[in-house]
Amino acid sequence: MSISHAPPHPHEPDISVKSESGASLDLEPIVPISSRRTRVPRWLRRTTGPLLLLALWQLLSATGVLAADVLASPGRIAQVGSDLISDGSLASAMTTSLQRVAAGLLLGTLVGTGLALVSGLFRIGEDLVDAPVQMLRTVPFVGLIPLFIIWFGIGEAPKVAIITLGVTFPLYLNVYAGIRGVDAQLIEAGESLGLSRWGLVRHVVLPGALPGALTGLRYSLGIAWLALVFAEQVNADSGIGFLMVQARDFLRTDVIVVCLIVYAFLGLLADFIVRSLERLLLQWRPTFTGR
C-alpha cells in the first residue's frame, strides 16, 4: 500500500491512499473539535449576558411589572445619570470616593504586605504576628465603625480606617500563603548556587509569592469598595455613599441605581488594572486560559 500526497487546495492537503488493488481512497484530515466551532468574537460573548438582562429589565418596566417607585427603568436611570454628570455632582462624588479608596488601599497594602513578610519569612515573626492577625480577621470590620468614630471622630479618618482594615486581611492571607507555598526544592537549589538569605528572598521567594499577592490585591480591591459603601453612609457630607443616603431619604431609586452602577464600574476598572498588571508581571508563568 502506498500513500501519495496530492493537495487540491493550498491550505488543506489531501492524503490519498492506494490499496494493493490500485484503488484510490481519499482520507479526510482530522480537525480538532475546538477548531470546528463557530468563532464568535469574545467581546460579543461577554456583552450578550448584560445586554439581555438590560433588555429584560426595560421590558418589565415598560409593561408595568416593575413599578417606578420600586425600580426605575433603564431609560430613566440613564437620564438621571446624565443630569448628575451635567451638574458636576457625580464627578465631585467620584473624586472624593476615589481619594478615600486610594488612601485606604495604600495603607492597607503597606500594613498587610509588611505583616505577611514578617510572618512568612521568619518563624519568630509568625509566632508573634499570625495569631493576633487571625483573631482580628474574624471580627467584622463593619462592627468596628462605632469604635472608630469614638477614636477618630466623624471626619475622614474613620472612613479611611474602615477601608484600610478591610484591605489588610485578604492581602495578608494571600501574601503569607504565597510565601509559604514556594517550593522547598527551589530554596535548596538557590542555596546550592550560593545565594545569600537576601538573594533567596529576592530571586526565589518574592517571585514565587507574587501570584498570590496579586490575587490578594484583587480581593482587597473588592472589599475596599464594599467598605467604602459602609464608610460613606456614616456621617458623610460628600462621596457616592452620601448621594445614596440622600436618595434613600427621598425614595429616589433612580439615583440609588446610578450610584450602584458607578460603584460597579469603578470596581471593574480597578480589577482590570490589576489583571493587566498580572499579565505584565507574570509573563514567566504560563497558565491555562480556557478553551
Foldseek 3Di string as FASTA:
>chain_A
DDKDWDQPDPVATWIWDADPVGDIDTDHDDDDPVVPDDDDDPVCVVVPVVVVVLVVQQVCDVVVVQDCLRANRPVVLVVVLVVCVVVVQQVQQAVVLVVLLVLLLVLLLVQQLVLLCQLQLDVVSVVVRVVVLVVVVPDPLLVCLVVLCVVPNLDSVSLSVSLSVLLRNLLNVLLNCQQVVFDVVVVVVCVVVPADSVRCCVPGRVLSSVVSNLVSSLSSLVSSLVSNLSSCCGNHPGHLNNQLVVCVVVSNNSSNVSSVVVSVVVSVVVNVVSVVVVCVSVVVDDDDDDD
